[in-house]
Amino acid sequence: MTHTESEVELHYGVKIDATFEKNTQPPPETQITPLLSLKGRTAIVTGAGAGIGFGVVEAFAEAGANIALWYNSNPEAIEKAKKVSKTYGITCKAYKVNVTDEKATIDTIDQVVQDLNGRLDIFVANAALYWSHGRLINSSTSDFQEIMNTNLMSTYYAAKAAGKHFQRQKETGTDIFGSKLENFHSGSFIVTSSIASVHQLFPQATTPYCVTKSAVTQLVKGLAVEFVKFARANLVCPGYLEGGMLMRGVDERER
């Protein structure tokens, strides 16, 4: 059912305009390869020192993007970023960031934009913490707060900060240096959720992890509406990967 603008404002108090926004234009390219190119774009990937995050970094680099590789505790990320730059002929810089710190998140996003062509095109919120404290009744409140901060609050901080860059770029059509933006249609905010967002993992006792992934899933659904005038918001929900965090606590027979 489609509501009128007045109905949206009447029922929900704050008008978002999502139903009425046409923010997509046909791309000028007519071939597949140019459509997939990220040449000249800037991407930030959190939790990118290894695993899924680093895989995303390599894929974006192959497509031509300049990338900020965010890590927290993996010192190998610095050398990995250098190797990606050399291999793909793009700029890939490593940034050590505590994503649970809102100011650090804002400041580092601003620094990345300053360092990488004055623009932000893609933000991938991939950093996450797995639950390793067993059943909920045996856990501490601080353990629960830690996973909420890492998995949910960090995504909230990133969405606010990245969204402001996307909005400014869409409204002004310029980078932070005042130059006209080339090939910017809208921003892209991508979150790594999990199959744990839709069903409880078993046999692991990981209720808090599932809660956080359900929360970020709903957060992104809301962002897809609120960002509609200047950015897209999408989820990726990985399942069980060999060596991935969901396999922790699963013995060989259960695998």
Protein backbone atom coordinates (compact mmCIF):
# COMPACT_ATOMS: atom_id res chain seq x y z
CA MET A 1 0.00 0.00 0.00
CA THR A 2 1.35 3.43 -0.97
CA HIS A 3 0.67 6.35 1.37
CA THR A 4 0.53 10.01 0.47
CA GLU A 5 3.15 12.32 1.95
CA SER A 6 0.62 13.80 4.37
CA GLU A 7 -0.40 10.32 5.53
CA VAL A 8 3.22 9.38 6.20
CA GLU A 9 3.74 12.53 8.24
CA LEU A 10 0.45 12.06 10.08
CA HIS A 11 1.05 8.45 11.12
CA TYR A 12 4.75 8.51 11.85
CA GLY A 13 5.43 12.05 13.02
CA VAL A 14 8.67 12.49 11.08
CA LYS A 15 8.48 12.42 7.30
CA ILE A 16 11.26 10.40 5.69
CA ASP A 17 10.26 10.80 2.01
CA ALA A 18 11.34 7.24 1.20
CA THR A 19 8.23 6.31 -0.78
CA PHE A 20 8.57 9.29 -3.09
CA GLU A 21 12.30 9.49 -3.74
CA LYS A 22 13.76 8.63 -7.14
CA ASN A 23 17.48 8.53 -6.49
CA THR A 24 18.60 6.20 -9.26
CA GLN A 25 19.58 7.09 -12.79
CA PRO A 26 20.51 4.74 -15.62
CA PRO A 27 24.32 4.43 -15.75
CA PRO A 28 25.98 5.70 -18.93
CA GLU A 29 27.90 2.45 -19.40
CA THR A 30 26.48 -0.22 -21.67
CA GLN A 31 29.02 -2.99 -21.05
CA ILE A 32 29.25 -5.26 -18.00
CA THR A 33 32.90 -4.64 -17.07
CA PRO A 34 32.60 -0.84 -16.72
CA LEU A 35 29.45 -1.30 -14.65
CA LEU A 36 31.42 -3.38 -12.15
CA SER A 37 34.38 -1.00 -12.00
CA LEU A 38 35.13 0.85 -8.77
CA LYS A 39 37.99 2.85 -10.25
CA GLY A 40 38.49 6.11 -8.41
CA ARG A 41 36.07 5.24 -5.62
CA THR A 42 36.99 5.16 -1.94
CA ALA A 43 35.97 2.27 0.29
CA ILE A 44 36.36 1.64 4.01
CA VAL A 45 36.26 -1.93 5.31
CA THR A 46 36.29 -2.62 9.06
CA GLY A 47 37.55 -5.84 10.58
CA ALA A 48 39.63 -6.18 7.44
CA GLY A 49 42.86 -7.67 8.74
CA ALA A 50 41.78 -11.22 7.89
CA GLY A 51 38.83 -13.42 6.95
CA ILE A 52 35.78 -12.00 5.21
CA GLY A 53 36.95 -8.42 5.67
CA PHE A 54 40.25 -8.97 3.90
CA GLY A 55 38.46 -10.88 1.14
CA VAL A 56 36.29 -7.81 0.58
CA VAL A 57 39.40 -5.62 0.46
CA GLU A 58 40.95 -7.78 -2.25
CA ALA A 59 37.73 -7.83 -4.29
CA PHE A 60 37.36 -4.05 -4.13
CA ALA A 61 41.03 -3.61 -5.02
CA GLU A 62 40.63 -5.85 -8.05
CA ALA A 63 37.69 -3.67 -9.12
CA GLY A 64 39.89 -0.55 -8.85
CA ALA A 65 38.81 1.06 -5.57
CA ASN A 66 41.13 2.83 -3.16
CA ILE A 67 40.68 1.23 0.23
CA ALA A 68 41.04 2.00 3.91
CA LEU A 69 41.74 -1.31 5.65
CA TRP A 70 40.61 -0.96 9.26
CA TYR A 71 41.98 -3.31 11.89
CA ASN A 72 42.21 -3.39 15.66
CA SER A 73 44.63 -6.05 16.87
CA ASN A 74 46.14 -7.73 13.81
CA PRO A 75 49.53 -6.11 13.05
CA GLU A 76 49.80 -8.13 9.83
CA ALA A 77 47.18 -5.79 8.39
CA ILE A 78 49.81 -3.13 7.70
CA GLU A 79 51.87 -5.38 5.44
CA LYS A 80 48.72 -6.81 3.86
CA ALA A 81 47.62 -3.31 2.87
CA LYS A 82 50.99 -2.63 1.27
CA LYS A 83 50.80 -5.89 -0.66
CA VAL A 84 47.29 -5.11 -1.91
CA SER A 85 48.47 -1.70 -3.15
CA LYS A 86 51.36 -3.25 -5.03
CA THR A 87 49.39 -6.18 -6.46
CA TYR A 88 46.42 -4.21 -7.77
CA GLY A 89 47.96 -0.80 -8.47
CA ILE A 90 45.60 1.08 -6.16
CA THR A 91 46.01 2.82 -2.81
CA CYS A 92 45.31 0.64 0.21
CA LYS A 93 46.12 2.06 3.64
CA ALA A 94 45.82 0.35 7.00
CA TYR A 95 44.23 2.24 9.91
CA LYS A 96 44.22 0.95 13.49
CA VAL A 97 40.78 1.80 14.87
CA ASN A 98 38.77 0.88 17.94
CA VAL A 99 35.32 0.76 16.32
CA THR A 100 33.59 0.86 19.72
CA ASP A 101 34.89 4.41 20.19
CA GLU A 102 32.53 6.83 18.44
CA LYS A 103 35.03 9.69 18.28
CA ALA A 104 37.74 7.42 16.88
CA THR A 105 35.30 6.20 14.24
CA ILE A 106 34.30 9.72 13.19
CA ASP A 107 37.86 11.03 13.21
CA THR A 108 39.22 8.10 11.21
CA ILE A 109 36.49 8.30 8.58
CA ASP A 110 37.29 11.99 8.16
CA GLN A 111 41.00 11.17 7.90
CA VAL A 112 40.38 8.46 5.30
CA VAL A 113 38.38 10.89 3.17
CA GLN A 114 41.21 13.40 3.50
CA ASP A 115 43.80 10.77 2.51
CA LEU A 116 41.92 9.03 -0.30
CA ASN A 117 40.73 11.49 -2.94
CA GLY A 118 38.44 13.57 -0.71
CA ARG A 119 35.47 11.26 -1.05
CA LEU A 120 33.70 8.26 0.46
CA ASP A 121 31.74 5.86 -1.73
CA ILE A 122 31.49 2.60 0.21
CA PHE A 123 31.54 1.68 3.89
CA VAL A 124 31.58 -1.99 4.88
CA ALA A 125 30.86 -2.53 8.59
CA ASN A 126 32.37 -5.98 8.99
CA ALA A 127 34.07 -5.85 12.40
CA ALA A 128 32.46 -8.17 14.91
CA LEU A 129 33.04 -10.08 18.12
CA TYR A 130 31.96 -13.67 18.65
CA TRP A 131 30.45 -14.92 21.91
CA SER A 132 32.73 -17.27 23.83
CA HIS A 133 31.28 -17.07 27.35
CA GLY A 134 28.80 -19.93 27.21
CA ARG A 135 25.23 -19.81 28.42
CA LEU A 136 23.72 -16.42 29.15
CA ILE A 137 23.01 -17.15 32.82
CA ASN A 138 26.69 -17.86 33.41
CA SER A 139 27.95 -14.70 31.72
CA SER A 140 28.75 -11.27 33.08
CA THR A 141 27.01 -8.03 32.21
CA SER A 142 30.32 -6.60 31.01
CA ASP A 143 30.69 -9.49 28.54
CA PHE A 144 27.24 -8.74 27.14
CA GLN A 145 27.95 -5.01 26.93
CA GLU A 146 31.22 -5.71 25.12
CA ILE A 147 29.59 -7.70 22.34
CA MET A 148 26.78 -5.15 22.02
CA ASN A 149 29.33 -2.35 21.70
CA THR A 150 31.43 -4.20 19.14
CA ASN A 151 28.68 -5.61 16.95
CA LEU A 152 25.82 -3.12 17.25
CA MET A 153 27.04 0.22 18.55
CA SER A 154 30.02 0.27 16.19
CA THR A 155 27.65 -0.14 13.25
CA TYR A 156 25.50 2.70 14.57
CA TYR A 157 28.54 4.98 14.90
CA ALA A 158 29.72 4.12 11.40
CA ALA A 159 26.29 4.62 9.84
CA LYS A 160 25.98 8.11 11.34
CA ALA A 161 29.44 9.23 10.29
CA ALA A 162 29.52 7.65 6.83
CA GLY A 163 25.94 8.71 6.14
CA LYS A 164 26.81 12.36 6.68
CA HIS A 165 29.55 12.12 4.04
CA PHE A 166 27.20 10.40 1.61
CA GLN A 167 24.53 13.04 2.17
CA ARG A 168 26.92 15.96 1.71
CA GLN A 169 28.33 14.48 -1.49
CA LYS A 170 24.87 13.86 -2.94
CA GLU A 171 23.64 17.36 -2.08
CA THR A 172 26.73 19.30 -3.19
CA GLY A 173 28.15 17.07 -5.92
CA THR A 174 31.66 17.85 -4.68
CA ASP A 175 34.44 16.21 -2.71
CA ILE A 176 35.74 17.77 0.51
CA PHE A 177 38.18 19.87 -1.51
CA GLY A 178 35.37 21.45 -3.53
CA SER A 179 36.08 19.60 -6.77
CA LYS A 180 33.26 18.06 -8.78
CA LEU A 181 32.67 14.40 -7.94
CA GLU A 182 32.98 11.99 -10.83
CA ASN A 183 30.95 8.78 -10.93
CA PHE A 184 29.11 9.32 -7.67
CA HIS A 185 25.45 8.32 -7.83
CA SER A 186 24.88 7.41 -4.17
CA GLY A 187 26.82 6.02 -1.24
CA SER A 188 26.81 2.36 -0.26
CA PHE A 189 26.63 1.21 3.36
CA ILE A 190 27.10 -2.55 3.72
CA VAL A 191 26.93 -4.56 6.93
CA THR A 192 28.12 -8.09 7.56
CA SER A 193 25.33 -9.68 9.56
CA SER A 194 24.94 -13.46 9.90
CA ILE A 195 22.57 -16.38 9.52
CA ALA A 196 22.51 -16.04 13.31
CA SER A 197 20.27 -13.01 12.75
CA VAL A 198 17.42 -15.24 11.60
CA HIS A 199 17.83 -18.41 13.66
CA GLN A 200 19.54 -19.49 16.84
CA LEU A 201 22.91 -21.18 16.35
CA PHE A 202 23.13 -24.75 17.63
CA PRO A 203 24.83 -26.48 19.44
CA GLN A 204 26.84 -23.40 20.46
CA ALA A 205 25.54 -21.26 23.33
CA THR A 206 25.73 -17.92 21.54
CA THR A 207 22.51 -16.08 22.38
CA PRO A 208 24.11 -12.61 22.76
CA TYR A 209 25.84 -12.95 19.38
CA CYS A 210 22.52 -13.84 17.73
CA VAL A 211 20.87 -10.88 19.44
CA THR A 212 23.45 -8.43 18.08
CA LYS A 213 23.18 -9.78 14.55
CA SER A 214 19.39 -9.56 14.65
CA ALA A 215 19.73 -5.97 15.82
CA VAL A 216 22.11 -4.90 13.05
CA THR A 217 19.85 -6.56 10.50
CA GLN A 218 16.92 -4.44 11.60
CA LEU A 219 19.17 -1.37 11.82
CA VAL A 220 20.14 -1.73 8.17
CA LYS A 221 16.52 -2.22 7.09
CA GLY A 222 15.76 1.12 8.72
CA LEU A 223 18.81 2.78 7.16
CA ALA A 224 17.69 1.63 3.72
CA VAL A 225 14.63 3.83 4.21
CA GLU A 226 16.33 6.77 5.94
CA PHE A 227 19.31 6.89 3.54
CA VAL A 228 17.21 6.55 0.40
CA LYS A 229 17.93 10.06 -0.90
CA PHE A 230 21.71 9.67 -0.85
CA ALA A 231 22.83 6.08 -0.17
CA ARG A 232 21.95 2.41 -0.29
CA ALA A 233 22.07 0.19 2.79
CA ASN A 234 22.48 -3.56 2.39
CA LEU A 235 23.17 -6.69 4.42
CA VAL A 236 25.29 -9.75 3.81
CA CYS A 237 24.43 -12.76 5.99
CA PRO A 238 27.23 -15.36 5.82
CA GLY A 239 26.71 -18.89 7.06
CA TYR A 240 29.26 -21.40 8.26
CA LEU A 241 32.71 -20.86 6.74
CA GLU A 242 35.69 -23.11 7.36
CA GLY A 243 37.89 -21.23 9.80
CA GLY A 244 35.16 -18.65 10.40
CA MET A 245 33.94 -17.50 13.81
CA LEU A 246 30.69 -19.49 13.63
CA MET A 247 32.71 -22.71 13.62
CA ARG A 248 34.18 -22.01 17.04
CA GLY A 249 32.92 -24.43 19.64
CA VAL A 250 31.73 -26.95 17.04
CA ASP A 251 33.57 -30.27 17.27
CA GLU A 252 34.63 -32.35 14.27
CA ARG A 253 31.63 -34.69 14.36
CA GLU A 254 29.15 -31.82 14.45
CA ARG A 255 30.88 -30.08 11.55
